[in-house]
Amino acid sequence: MNGFRKALFATIIVIALPAAQASASTFDGAWNVRISSSSETCGNGSTVAIGINNGQIASSSAMVTASGRVADAGSISVTLSTGIKRAVGFGRLSGTSGSGTWRGSMCTGTWTAERM
């Protein structure tokens, strides 16, 4: 019976792994993210280019470092930093767009994203 369990487990892994990889890559590509602040003193209207590869987020700019993850269903969590400033964002991607909220040490706001 032990051999049967191992074979069943291996079969499940072989079937599930390609499905997980395929869904994680649904959002792969280049994205433009427009960041808006709820306060004029925090600045408003910045745009950041990010890239997503196998669900992992990376920045496409030398000025901004981006890291984070996109889940299979489109839930996203990302950290953006430049110099000593850092902001954490959460939201959802769907198809070719997305939106969410972000917060930094002294500021908060919203973001929208479009696939390039």
PDB file of N, CA and C in Angstrom:
ATOM      1  N   MET A   1       0.815  -1.189   0.000  1.00  0.00           N
ATOM      2  CA  MET A   1       0.000   0.000   0.000  1.00  0.00           C
ATOM      3  C   MET A   1       0.866   1.263   0.000  1.00  0.00           C
ATOM      4  N   ASN A   2       2.040   1.205   0.649  1.00  0.00           N
ATOM      5  CA  ASN A   2       2.937   2.342   0.707  1.00  0.00           C
ATOM      6  C   ASN A   2       3.388   2.771  -0.689  1.00  0.00           C
ATOM      7  N   GLY A   3       3.680   1.841  -1.564  1.00  0.00           N
ATOM      8  CA  GLY A   3       4.075   2.133  -2.940  1.00  0.00           C
ATOM      9  C   GLY A   3       2.943   2.795  -3.710  1.00  0.00           C
ATOM     10  N   PHE A   4       1.712   2.369  -3.448  1.00  0.00           N
ATOM     11  CA  PHE A   4       0.549   2.967  -4.094  1.00  0.00           C
ATOM     12  C   PHE A   4       0.407   4.436  -3.697  1.00  0.00           C
ATOM     13  N   ARG A   5       0.593   4.748  -2.414  1.00  0.00           N
ATOM     14  CA  ARG A   5       0.495   6.126  -1.938  1.00  0.00           C
ATOM     15  C   ARG A   5       1.553   7.019  -2.575  1.00  0.00           C
ATOM     16  N   LYS A   6       2.766   6.508  -2.684  1.00  0.00           N
ATOM     17  CA  LYS A   6       3.836   7.278  -3.312  1.00  0.00           C
ATOM     18  C   LYS A   6       3.518   7.562  -4.771  1.00  0.00           C
ATOM     19  N   ALA A   7       3.028   6.558  -5.477  1.00  0.00           N
ATOM     20  CA  ALA A   7       2.680   6.734  -6.891  1.00  0.00           C
ATOM     21  C   ALA A   7       1.528   7.729  -7.044  1.00  0.00           C
ATOM     22  N   LEU A   8       0.533   7.640  -6.166  1.00  0.00           N
ATOM     23  CA  LEU A   8      -0.593   8.563  -6.214  1.00  0.00           C
ATOM     24  C   LEU A   8      -0.117   9.989  -5.941  1.00  0.00           C
ATOM     25  N   PHE A   9       0.723  10.172  -4.943  1.00  0.00           N
ATOM     26  CA  PHE A   9       1.253  11.492  -4.610  1.00  0.00           C
ATOM     27  C   PHE A   9       2.047  12.060  -5.793  1.00  0.00           C
ATOM     28  N   ALA A  10       2.910  11.251  -6.394  1.00  0.00           N
ATOM     29  CA  ALA A  10       3.710  11.694  -7.537  1.00  0.00           C
ATOM     30  C   ALA A  10       2.806  12.088  -8.708  1.00  0.00           C
ATOM     31  N   THR A  11       1.736  11.340  -8.942  1.00  0.00           N
ATOM     32  CA  THR A  11       0.806  11.653 -10.020  1.00  0.00           C
ATOM     33  C   THR A  11       0.108  12.985  -9.767  1.00  0.00           C
ATOM     34  N   ILE A  12      -0.312  13.209  -8.531  1.00  0.00           N
ATOM     35  CA  ILE A  12      -0.978  14.472  -8.182  1.00  0.00           C
ATOM     36  C   ILE A  12      -0.027  15.649  -8.397  1.00  0.00           C
ATOM     37  N   ILE A  13       1.233  15.506  -7.986  1.00  0.00           N
ATOM     38  CA  ILE A  13       2.219  16.573  -8.160  1.00  0.00           C
ATOM     39  C   ILE A  13       2.442  16.849  -9.645  1.00  0.00           C
ATOM     40  N   VAL A  14       2.572  15.822 -10.449  1.00  0.00           N
ATOM     41  CA  VAL A  14       2.813  15.980 -11.884  1.00  0.00           C
ATOM     42  C   VAL A  14       1.637  16.690 -12.547  1.00  0.00           C
ATOM     43  N   ILE A  15       0.424  16.405 -12.113  1.00  0.00           N
ATOM     44  CA  ILE A  15      -0.760  17.043 -12.694  1.00  0.00           C
ATOM     45  C   ILE A  15      -0.893  18.479 -12.192  1.00  0.00           C
ATOM     46  N   ALA A  16      -0.669  18.723 -10.913  1.00  0.00           N
ATOM     47  CA  ALA A  16      -0.901  20.043 -10.312  1.00  0.00           C
ATOM     48  C   ALA A  16       0.167  21.057 -10.669  1.00  0.00           C
ATOM     49  N   LEU A  17       1.419  20.655 -10.809  1.00  0.00           N
ATOM     50  CA  LEU A  17       2.500  21.591 -11.034  1.00  0.00           C
ATOM     51  C   LEU A  17       2.335  22.394 -12.319  1.00  0.00           C
ATOM     52  N   PRO A  18       2.084  21.800 -13.469  1.00  0.00           N
ATOM     53  CA  PRO A  18       1.891  22.624 -14.670  1.00  0.00           C
ATOM     54  C   PRO A  18       0.703  23.567 -14.549  1.00  0.00           C
ATOM     55  N   ALA A  19      -0.368  23.146 -13.896  1.00  0.00           N
ATOM     56  CA  ALA A  19      -1.531  24.021 -13.722  1.00  0.00           C
ATOM     57  C   ALA A  19      -1.173  25.221 -12.859  1.00  0.00           C
ATOM     58  N   ALA A  20      -0.412  25.028 -11.800  1.00  0.00           N
ATOM     59  CA  ALA A  20      -0.008  26.128 -10.930  1.00  0.00           C
ATOM     60  C   ALA A  20       0.915  27.088 -11.677  1.00  0.00           C
ATOM     61  N   GLN A  21       1.839  26.552 -12.465  1.00  0.00           N
ATOM     62  CA  GLN A  21       2.745  27.410 -13.221  1.00  0.00           C
ATOM     63  C   GLN A  21       1.987  28.193 -14.283  1.00  0.00           C
ATOM     64  N   ALA A  22       1.038  27.577 -14.931  1.00  0.00           N
ATOM     65  CA  ALA A  22       0.280  28.261 -15.971  1.00  0.00           C
ATOM     66  C   ALA A  22      -0.536  29.402 -15.386  1.00  0.00           C
ATOM     67  N   SER A  23      -1.180  29.187 -14.246  1.00  0.00           N
ATOM     68  CA  SER A  23      -2.013  30.238 -13.678  1.00  0.00           C
ATOM     69  C   SER A  23      -1.165  31.357 -13.082  1.00  0.00           C
ATOM     70  N   ALA A  24      -0.008  31.046 -12.534  1.00  0.00           N
ATOM     71  CA  ALA A  24       0.855  32.080 -11.981  1.00  0.00           C
ATOM     72  C   ALA A  24       1.370  32.996 -13.087  1.00  0.00           C
ATOM     73  N   SER A  25       1.524  32.478 -14.285  1.00  0.00           N
ATOM     74  CA  SER A  25       2.050  33.278 -15.382  1.00  0.00           C
ATOM     75  C   SER A  25       0.962  34.057 -16.121  1.00  0.00           C
ATOM     76  N   THR A  26      -0.290  33.957 -15.691  1.00  0.00           N
ATOM     77  CA  THR A  26      -1.387  34.675 -16.327  1.00  0.00           C
ATOM     78  C   THR A  26      -1.123  36.167 -16.380  1.00  0.00           C
ATOM     79  N   PHE A  27      -0.460  36.716 -15.386  1.00  0.00           N
ATOM     80  CA  PHE A  27      -0.233  38.152 -15.292  1.00  0.00           C
ATOM     81  C   PHE A  27       1.176  38.559 -15.700  1.00  0.00           C
ATOM     82  N   ASP A  28       1.945  37.621 -16.258  1.00  0.00           N
ATOM     83  CA  ASP A  28       3.313  37.922 -16.675  1.00  0.00           C
ATOM     84  C   ASP A  28       3.340  39.008 -17.741  1.00  0.00           C
ATOM     85  N   GLY A  29       4.367  39.844 -17.648  1.00  0.00           N
ATOM     86  CA  GLY A  29       4.556  40.890 -18.644  1.00  0.00           C
ATOM     87  C   GLY A  29       4.876  42.220 -17.984  1.00  0.00           C
ATOM     88  N   ALA A  30       4.877  43.262 -18.813  1.00  0.00           N
ATOM     89  CA  ALA A  30       5.172  44.615 -18.342  1.00  0.00           C
ATOM     90  C   ALA A  30       3.868  45.333 -17.994  1.00  0.00           C
ATOM     91  N   TRP A  31       3.893  46.070 -16.881  1.00  0.00           N
ATOM     92  CA  TRP A  31       2.732  46.793 -16.384  1.00  0.00           C
ATOM     93  C   TRP A  31       3.126  48.226 -16.052  1.00  0.00           C
ATOM     94  N   ASN A  32       2.228  49.169 -16.332  1.00  0.00           N
ATOM     95  CA  ASN A  32       2.364  50.554 -15.879  1.00  0.00           C
ATOM     96  C   ASN A  32       1.468  50.735 -14.675  1.00  0.00           C
ATOM     97  N   VAL A  33       2.033  51.238 -13.593  1.00  0.00           N
ATOM     98  CA  VAL A  33       1.276  51.439 -12.365  1.00  0.00           C
ATOM     99  C   VAL A  33       1.226  52.936 -12.068  1.00  0.00           C
ATOM    100  N   ARG A  34       0.030  53.479 -12.001  1.00  0.00           N
ATOM    101  CA  ARG A  34      -0.171  54.900 -11.672  1.00  0.00           C
ATOM    102  C   ARG A  34      -0.514  55.008 -10.191  1.00  0.00           C
ATOM    103  N   ILE A  35       0.293  55.789  -9.471  1.00  0.00           N
ATOM    104  CA  ILE A  35       0.151  55.915  -8.019  1.00  0.00           C
ATOM    105  C   ILE A  35      -0.440  57.285  -7.696  1.00  0.00           C
ATOM    106  N   SER A  36      -1.498  57.280  -6.914  1.00  0.00           N
ATOM    107  CA  SER A  36      -2.138  58.521  -6.473  1.00  0.00           C
ATOM    108  C   SER A  36      -2.124  58.568  -4.959  1.00  0.00           C
ATOM    109  N   SER A  37      -1.934  59.773  -4.428  1.00  0.00           N
ATOM    110  CA  SER A  37      -1.908  59.965  -2.979  1.00  0.00           C
ATOM    111  C   SER A  37      -3.181  60.657  -2.516  1.00  0.00           C
ATOM    112  N   SER A  38      -3.560  60.396  -1.286  1.00  0.00           N
ATOM    113  CA  SER A  38      -4.731  61.057  -0.719  1.00  0.00           C
ATOM    114  C   SER A  38      -4.379  62.438  -0.180  1.00  0.00           C
ATOM    115  N   SER A  39      -3.099  62.806  -0.227  1.00  0.00           N
ATOM    116  CA  SER A  39      -2.646  64.104   0.287  1.00  0.00           C
ATOM    117  C   SER A  39      -1.722  64.764  -0.725  1.00  0.00           C
ATOM    118  N   GLU A  40      -1.961  66.041  -0.998  1.00  0.00           N
ATOM    119  CA  GLU A  40      -1.112  66.764  -1.947  1.00  0.00           C
ATOM    120  C   GLU A  40       0.325  66.885  -1.451  1.00  0.00           C
ATOM    121  N   THR A  41       0.531  66.913  -0.149  1.00  0.00           N
ATOM    122  CA  THR A  41       1.886  67.045   0.388  1.00  0.00           C
ATOM    123  C   THR A  41       2.730  65.800   0.129  1.00  0.00           C
ATOM    124  N   CYS A  42       2.079  64.691  -0.171  1.00  0.00           N
ATOM    125  CA  CYS A  42       2.811  63.445  -0.443  1.00  0.00           C
ATOM    126  C   CYS A  42       3.111  63.267  -1.925  1.00  0.00           C
ATOM    127  N   GLY A  43       2.683  64.190  -2.744  1.00  0.00           N
ATOM    128  CA  GLY A  43       2.886  64.053  -4.171  1.00  0.00           C
ATOM    129  C   GLY A  43       1.726  63.302  -4.791  1.00  0.00           C
ATOM    130  N   ASN A  44       1.578  63.432  -6.077  1.00  0.00           N
ATOM    131  CA  ASN A  44       0.453  62.796  -6.754  1.00  0.00           C
ATOM    132  C   ASN A  44       0.795  62.571  -8.222  1.00  0.00           C
ATOM    133  N   GLY A  45       0.330  61.501  -8.767  1.00  0.00           N
ATOM    134  CA  GLY A  45       0.462  61.274 -10.195  1.00  0.00           C
ATOM    135  C   GLY A  45       1.719  60.587 -10.669  1.00  0.00           C
ATOM    136  N   SER A  46       2.398  59.821  -9.840  1.00  0.00           N
ATOM    137  CA  SER A  46       3.592  59.091 -10.275  1.00  0.00           C
ATOM    138  C   SER A  46       3.207  57.836 -11.055  1.00  0.00           C
ATOM    139  N   THR A  47       4.051  57.467 -12.006  1.00  0.00           N
ATOM    140  CA  THR A  47       3.857  56.228 -12.758  1.00  0.00           C
ATOM    141  C   THR A  47       5.127  55.396 -12.656  1.00  0.00           C
ATOM    142  N   VAL A  48       4.963  54.119 -12.373  1.00  0.00           N
ATOM    143  CA  VAL A  48       6.088  53.199 -12.219  1.00  0.00           C
ATOM    144  C   VAL A  48       5.867  52.010 -13.151  1.00  0.00           C
ATOM    145  N   ALA A  49       6.914  51.606 -13.851  1.00  0.00           N
ATOM    146  CA  ALA A  49       6.848  50.407 -14.687  1.00  0.00           C
ATOM    147  C   ALA A  49       7.363  49.222 -13.877  1.00  0.00           C
ATOM    148  N   ILE A  50       6.591  48.150 -13.857  1.00  0.00           N
ATOM    149  CA  ILE A  50       7.027  46.920 -13.194  1.00  0.00           C
ATOM    150  C   ILE A  50       6.908  45.766 -14.171  1.00  0.00           C
ATOM    151  N   GLY A  51       7.597  44.702 -13.866  1.00  0.00           N
ATOM    152  CA  GLY A  51       7.499  43.482 -14.640  1.00  0.00           C
ATOM    153  C   GLY A  51       7.072  42.331 -13.745  1.00  0.00           C
ATOM    154  N   ILE A  52       6.316  41.408 -14.312  1.00  0.00           N
ATOM    155  CA  ILE A  52       5.892  40.218 -13.579  1.00  0.00           C
ATOM    156  C   ILE A  52       6.359  39.009 -14.376  1.00  0.00           C
ATOM    157  N   ASN A  53       7.037  38.094 -13.681  1.00  0.00           N
ATOM    158  CA  ASN A  53       7.537  36.878 -14.312  1.00  0.00           C
ATOM    159  C   ASN A  53       7.262  35.709 -13.375  1.00  0.00           C
ATOM    160  N   ASN A  54       6.418  34.772 -13.828  1.00  0.00           N
ATOM    161  CA  ASN A  54       6.002  33.635 -13.001  1.00  0.00           C
ATOM    162  C   ASN A  54       5.449  34.083 -11.660  1.00  0.00           C
ATOM    163  N   GLY A  55       4.695  35.180 -11.656  1.00  0.00           N
ATOM    164  CA  GLY A  55       4.069  35.663 -10.446  1.00  0.00           C
ATOM    165  C   GLY A  55       4.961  36.507  -9.559  1.00  0.00           C
ATOM    166  N   GLN A  56       6.247  36.643  -9.905  1.00  0.00           N
ATOM    167  CA  GLN A  56       7.186  37.449  -9.121  1.00  0.00           C
ATOM    168  C   GLN A  56       7.275  38.847  -9.729  1.00  0.00           C
ATOM    169  N   ILE A  57       7.267  39.858  -8.872  1.00  0.00           N
ATOM    170  CA  ILE A  57       7.300  41.246  -9.312  1.00  0.00           C
ATOM    171  C   ILE A  57       8.721  41.789  -9.209  1.00  0.00           C
ATOM    172  N   ALA A  58       9.129  42.542 -10.229  1.00  0.00           N
ATOM    173  CA  ALA A  58      10.422  43.219 -10.224  1.00  0.00           C
ATOM    174  C   ALA A  58      10.246  44.563 -10.915  1.00  0.00           C
ATOM    175  N   SER A  59      11.090  45.528 -10.570  1.00  0.00           N
ATOM    176  CA  SER A  59      10.966  46.844 -11.193  1.00  0.00           C
ATOM    177  C   SER A  59      11.632  46.842 -12.557  1.00  0.00           C
ATOM    178  N   SER A  60      11.107  47.708 -13.411  1.00  0.00           N
ATOM    179  CA  SER A  60      11.686  47.901 -14.727  1.00  0.00           C
ATOM    180  C   SER A  60      12.467  49.199 -14.782  1.00  0.00           C
ATOM    181  N   SER A  61      12.724  49.789 -13.618  1.00  0.00           N
ATOM    182  CA  SER A  61      13.401  51.072 -13.532  1.00  0.00           C
ATOM    183  C   SER A  61      14.552  50.991 -12.539  1.00  0.00           C
ATOM    184  N   ALA A  62      15.617  51.710 -12.854  1.00  0.00           N
ATOM    185  CA  ALA A  62      16.741  51.769 -11.917  1.00  0.00           C
ATOM    186  C   ALA A  62      16.427  52.686 -10.741  1.00  0.00           C
ATOM    187  N   MET A  63      15.423  53.559 -10.886  1.00  0.00           N
ATOM    188  CA  MET A  63      15.066  54.522  -9.843  1.00  0.00           C
ATOM    189  C   MET A  63      14.213  53.908  -8.734  1.00  0.00           C
ATOM    190  N   VAL A  64      13.420  52.894  -9.072  1.00  0.00           N
ATOM    191  CA  VAL A  64      12.489  52.303  -8.112  1.00  0.00           C
ATOM    192  C   VAL A  64      12.730  50.801  -8.042  1.00  0.00           C
ATOM    193  N   THR A  65      12.844  50.289  -6.831  1.00  0.00           N
ATOM    194  CA  THR A  65      12.967  48.856  -6.629  1.00  0.00           C
ATOM    195  C   THR A  65      11.592  48.308  -6.274  1.00  0.00           C
ATOM    196  N   ALA A  66      11.161  47.304  -6.988  1.00  0.00           N
ATOM    197  CA  ALA A  66       9.860  46.679  -6.729  1.00  0.00           C
ATOM    198  C   ALA A  66      10.070  45.202  -6.439  1.00  0.00           C
ATOM    199  N   SER A  67       9.316  44.698  -5.483  1.00  0.00           N
ATOM    200  CA  SER A  67       9.331  43.267  -5.196  1.00  0.00           C
ATOM    201  C   SER A  67       7.960  42.877  -4.705  1.00  0.00           C
ATOM    202  N   GLY A  68       7.630  41.630  -4.861  1.00  0.00           N
ATOM    203  CA  GLY A  68       6.332  41.153  -4.401  1.00  0.00           C
ATOM    204  C   GLY A  68       5.872  39.951  -5.180  1.00  0.00           C
ATOM    205  N   ARG A  69       4.587  39.677  -5.083  1.00  0.00           N
ATOM    206  CA  ARG A  69       4.043  38.451  -5.656  1.00  0.00           C
ATOM    207  C   ARG A  69       2.609  38.675  -6.107  1.00  0.00           C
ATOM    208  N   VAL A  70       2.247  38.020  -7.208  1.00  0.00           N
ATOM    209  CA  VAL A  70       0.872  37.972  -7.686  1.00  0.00           C
ATOM    210  C   VAL A  70       0.392  36.539  -7.520  1.00  0.00           C
ATOM    211  N   ALA A  71      -0.712  36.359  -6.805  1.00  0.00           N
ATOM    212  CA  ALA A  71      -1.281  35.029  -6.604  1.00  0.00           C
ATOM    213  C   ALA A  71      -2.035  34.601  -7.855  1.00  0.00           C
ATOM    214  N   ASP A  72      -2.345  33.318  -7.928  1.00  0.00           N
ATOM    215  CA  ASP A  72      -3.027  32.760  -9.086  1.00  0.00           C
ATOM    216  C   ASP A  72      -4.321  33.482  -9.428  1.00  0.00           C
ATOM    217  N   ALA A  73      -5.086  33.899  -8.427  1.00  0.00           N
ATOM    218  CA  ALA A  73      -6.376  34.546  -8.652  1.00  0.00           C
ATOM    219  C   ALA A  73      -6.239  36.046  -8.914  1.00  0.00           C
ATOM    220  N   GLY A  74      -5.008  36.581  -8.891  1.00  0.00           N
ATOM    221  CA  GLY A  74      -4.784  37.985  -9.191  1.00  0.00           C
ATOM    222  C   GLY A  74      -4.534  38.872  -7.994  1.00  0.00           C
ATOM    223  N   SER A  75      -4.614  38.328  -6.800  1.00  0.00           N
ATOM    224  CA  SER A  75      -4.305  39.106  -5.602  1.00  0.00           C
ATOM    225  C   SER A  75      -2.822  39.482  -5.644  1.00  0.00           C
ATOM    226  N   ILE A  76      -2.528  40.749  -5.374  1.00  0.00           N
ATOM    227  CA  ILE A  76      -1.151  41.221  -5.497  1.00  0.00           C
ATOM    228  C   ILE A  76      -0.709  41.925  -4.222  1.00  0.00           C
ATOM    229  N   SER A  77       0.520  41.689  -3.838  1.00  0.00           N
ATOM    230  CA  SER A  77       1.165  42.448  -2.767  1.00  0.00           C
ATOM    231  C   SER A  77       2.535  42.861  -3.288  1.00  0.00           C
ATOM    232  N   VAL A  78       2.861  44.134  -3.115  1.00  0.00           N
ATOM    233  CA  VAL A  78       4.089  44.663  -3.692  1.00  0.00           C
ATOM    234  C   VAL A  78       4.712  45.684  -2.745  1.00  0.00           C
ATOM    235  N   THR A  79       6.024  45.744  -2.752  1.00  0.00           N
ATOM    236  CA  THR A  79       6.766  46.764  -2.016  1.00  0.00           C
ATOM    237  C   THR A  79       7.575  47.563  -3.021  1.00  0.00           C
ATOM    238  N   LEU A  80       7.416  48.886  -2.981  1.00  0.00           N
ATOM    239  CA  LEU A  80       8.196  49.793  -3.818  1.00  0.00           C
ATOM    240  C   LEU A  80       9.102  50.608  -2.914  1.00  0.00           C
ATOM    241  N   SER A  81      10.341  50.780  -3.333  1.00  0.00           N
ATOM    242  CA  SER A  81      11.250  51.611  -2.544  1.00  0.00           C
ATOM    243  C   SER A  81      12.173  52.400  -3.459  1.00  0.00           C
ATOM    244  N   THR A  82      12.494  53.582  -3.003  1.00  0.00           N
ATOM    245  CA  THR A  82      13.455  54.440  -3.682  1.00  0.00           C
ATOM    246  C   THR A  82      14.184  55.233  -2.604  1.00  0.00           C
ATOM    247  N   GLY A  83      15.482  55.099  -2.557  1.00  0.00           N
ATOM    248  CA  GLY A  83      16.237  55.740  -1.485  1.00  0.00           C
ATOM    249  C   GLY A  83      15.770  55.215  -0.137  1.00  0.00           C
ATOM    250  N   ILE A  84      15.394  56.123   0.761  1.00  0.00           N
ATOM    251  CA  ILE A  84      14.918  55.706   2.079  1.00  0.00           C
ATOM    252  C   ILE A  84      13.386  55.602   2.141  1.00  0.00           C
ATOM    253  N   LYS A  85      12.710  55.957   1.060  1.00  0.00           N
ATOM    254  CA  LYS A  85      11.250  55.883   1.029  1.00  0.00           C
ATOM    255  C   LYS A  85      10.799  54.484   0.640  1.00  0.00           C
ATOM    256  N   ARG A  86       9.713  54.047   1.280  1.00  0.00           N
ATOM    257  CA  ARG A  86       9.192  52.702   1.021  1.00  0.00           C
ATOM    258  C   ARG A  86       7.671  52.726   1.127  1.00  0.00           C
ATOM    259  N   ALA A  87       7.010  52.009   0.233  1.00  0.00           N
ATOM    260  CA  ALA A  87       5.551  51.906   0.272  1.00  0.00           C
ATOM    261  C   ALA A  87       5.163  50.450   0.008  1.00  0.00           C
ATOM    262  N   VAL A  88       4.092  50.036   0.656  1.00  0.00           N
ATOM    263  CA  VAL A  88       3.573  48.678   0.492  1.00  0.00           C
ATOM    264  C   VAL A  88       2.184  48.790  -0.101  1.00  0.00           C
ATOM    265  N   GLY A  89       1.924  48.007  -1.151  1.00  0.00           N
ATOM    266  CA  GLY A  89       0.629  48.047  -1.817  1.00  0.00           C
ATOM    267  C   GLY A  89      -0.034  46.694  -1.865  1.00  0.00           C
ATOM    268  N   PHE A  90      -1.374  46.713  -1.903  1.00  0.00           N
ATOM    269  CA  PHE A  90      -2.180  45.507  -1.998  1.00  0.00           C
ATOM    270  C   PHE A  90      -3.310  45.767  -2.981  1.00  0.00           C
ATOM    271  N   GLY A  91      -3.767  44.730  -3.639  1.00  0.00           N
ATOM    272  CA  GLY A  91      -4.885  44.897  -4.559  1.00  0.00           C
ATOM    273  C   GLY A  91      -5.119  43.652  -5.376  1.00  0.00           C
ATOM    274  N   ARG A  92      -5.665  43.864  -6.581  1.00  0.00           N
ATOM    275  CA  ARG A  92      -6.017  42.733  -7.446  1.00  0.00           C
ATOM    276  C   ARG A  92      -5.797  43.102  -8.899  1.00  0.00           C
ATOM    277  N   LEU A  93      -5.231  42.154  -9.647  1.00  0.00           N
ATOM    278  CA  LEU A  93      -5.116  42.262 -11.098  1.00  0.00           C
ATOM    279  C   LEU A  93      -6.185  41.378 -11.720  1.00  0.00           C
ATOM    280  N   SER A  94      -6.706  41.828 -12.855  1.00  0.00           N
ATOM    281  CA  SER A  94      -7.704  41.054 -13.574  1.00  0.00           C
ATOM    282  C   SER A  94      -7.541  41.341 -15.058  1.00  0.00           C
ATOM    283  N   GLY A  95      -7.146  40.330 -15.810  1.00  0.00           N
ATOM    284  CA  GLY A  95      -6.943  40.540 -17.247  1.00  0.00           C
ATOM    285  C   GLY A  95      -5.806  41.498 -17.518  1.00  0.00           C
ATOM    286  N   THR A  96      -6.139  42.692 -18.024  1.00  0.00           N
ATOM    287  CA  THR A  96      -5.114  43.666 -18.397  1.00  0.00           C
ATOM    288  C   THR A  96      -5.124  44.913 -17.516  1.00  0.00           C
ATOM    289  N   SER A  97      -5.780  44.856 -16.373  1.00  0.00           N
ATOM    290  CA  SER A  97      -5.813  46.019 -15.484  1.00  0.00           C
ATOM    291  C   SER A  97      -5.844  45.564 -14.026  1.00  0.00           C
ATOM    292  N   GLY A  98      -5.721  46.525 -13.138  1.00  0.00           N
ATOM    293  CA  GLY A  98      -5.770  46.219 -11.722  1.00  0.00           C
ATOM    294  C   GLY A  98      -5.875  47.489 -10.909  1.00  0.00           C
ATOM    295  N   SER A  99      -6.141  47.329  -9.616  1.00  0.00           N
ATOM    296  CA  SER A  99      -6.225  48.482  -8.724  1.00  0.00           C
ATOM    297  C   SER A  99      -6.033  48.018  -7.283  1.00  0.00           C
ATOM    298  N   GLY A 100      -5.772  48.998  -6.425  1.00  0.00           N
ATOM    299  CA  GLY A 100      -5.597  48.680  -5.017  1.00  0.00           C
ATOM    300  C   GLY A 100      -5.232  49.895  -4.209  1.00  0.00           C
ATOM    301  N   THR A 101      -4.719  49.658  -3.025  1.00  0.00           N
ATOM    302  CA  THR A 101      -4.317  50.720  -2.115  1.00  0.00           C
ATOM    303  C   THR A 101      -2.852  50.544  -1.744  1.00  0.00           C
ATOM    304  N   TRP A 102      -2.257  51.607  -1.247  1.00  0.00           N
ATOM    305  CA  TRP A 102      -0.874  51.555  -0.785  1.00  0.00           C
ATOM    306  C   TRP A 102      -0.742  52.416   0.462  1.00  0.00           C
ATOM    307  N   ARG A 103       0.343  52.165   1.203  1.00  0.00           N
ATOM    308  CA  ARG A 103       0.651  52.988   2.365  1.00  0.00           C
ATOM    309  C   ARG A 103       2.168  53.069   2.540  1.00  0.00           C
ATOM    310  N   GLY A 104       2.590  54.233   2.966  1.00  0.00           N
ATOM    311  CA  GLY A 104       3.989  54.473   3.292  1.00  0.00           C
ATOM    312  C   GLY A 104       4.071  54.920   4.734  1.00  0.00           C
ATOM    313  N   SER A 105       5.211  55.443   5.133  1.00  0.00           N
ATOM    314  CA  SER A 105       5.371  55.839   6.534  1.00  0.00           C
ATOM    315  C   SER A 105       4.481  57.022   6.912  1.00  0.00           C
ATOM    316  N   MET A 106       4.242  57.942   5.985  1.00  0.00           N
ATOM    317  CA  MET A 106       3.446  59.129   6.307  1.00  0.00           C
ATOM    318  C   MET A 106       2.298  59.356   5.314  1.00  0.00           C
ATOM    319  N   CYS A 107       2.185  58.526   4.298  1.00  0.00           N
ATOM    320  CA  CYS A 107       1.208  58.751   3.238  1.00  0.00           C
ATOM    321  C   CYS A 107       0.458  57.474   2.897  1.00  0.00           C
ATOM    322  N   THR A 108      -0.724  57.660   2.314  1.00  0.00           N
ATOM    323  CA  THR A 108      -1.516  56.542   1.806  1.00  0.00           C
ATOM    324  C   THR A 108      -2.124  56.962   0.477  1.00  0.00           C
ATOM    325  N   GLY A 109      -2.671  55.997  -0.235  1.00  0.00           N
ATOM    326  CA  GLY A 109      -3.301  56.334  -1.499  1.00  0.00           C
ATOM    327  C   GLY A 109      -3.809  55.116  -2.225  1.00  0.00           C
ATOM    328  N   THR A 110      -4.053  55.294  -3.507  1.00  0.00           N
ATOM    329  CA  THR A 110      -4.553  54.220  -4.362  1.00  0.00           C
ATOM    330  C   THR A 110      -3.622  54.053  -5.554  1.00  0.00           C
ATOM    331  N   TRP A 111      -3.763  52.949  -6.242  1.00  0.00           N
ATOM    332  CA  TRP A 111      -3.013  52.713  -7.470  1.00  0.00           C
ATOM    333  C   TRP A 111      -3.917  52.012  -8.488  1.00  0.00           C
ATOM    334  N   THR A 112      -3.597  52.247  -9.746  1.00  0.00           N
ATOM    335  CA  THR A 112      -4.239  51.526 -10.849  1.00  0.00           C
ATOM    336  C   THR A 112      -3.129  51.018 -11.761  1.00  0.00           C
ATOM    337  N   ALA A 113      -3.374  49.915 -12.420  1.00  0.00           N
ATOM    338  CA  ALA A 113      -2.351  49.330 -13.289  1.00  0.00           C
ATOM    339  C   ALA A 113      -2.966  48.923 -14.625  1.00  0.00           C
ATOM    340  N   GLU A 114      -2.153  49.020 -15.663  1.00  0.00           N
ATOM    341  CA  GLU A 114      -2.526  48.556 -17.001  1.00  0.00           C
ATOM    342  C   GLU A 114      -1.372  47.770 -17.588  1.00  0.00           C
ATOM    343  N   ARG A 115      -1.725  46.654 -18.210  1.00  0.00           N
ATOM    344  CA  ARG A 115      -0.682  45.878 -18.896  1.00  0.00           C
ATOM    345  C   ARG A 115      -0.236  46.628 -20.142  1.00  0.00           C
ATOM    346  N   MET A 116       1.059  46.681 -20.370  1.00  0.00           N
ATOM    347  CA  MET A 116       1.592  47.377 -21.564  1.00  0.00           C
ATOM    348  C   MET A 116       1.559  46.463 -22.767  1.00  0.00           C
TER     349      MET A 116
END
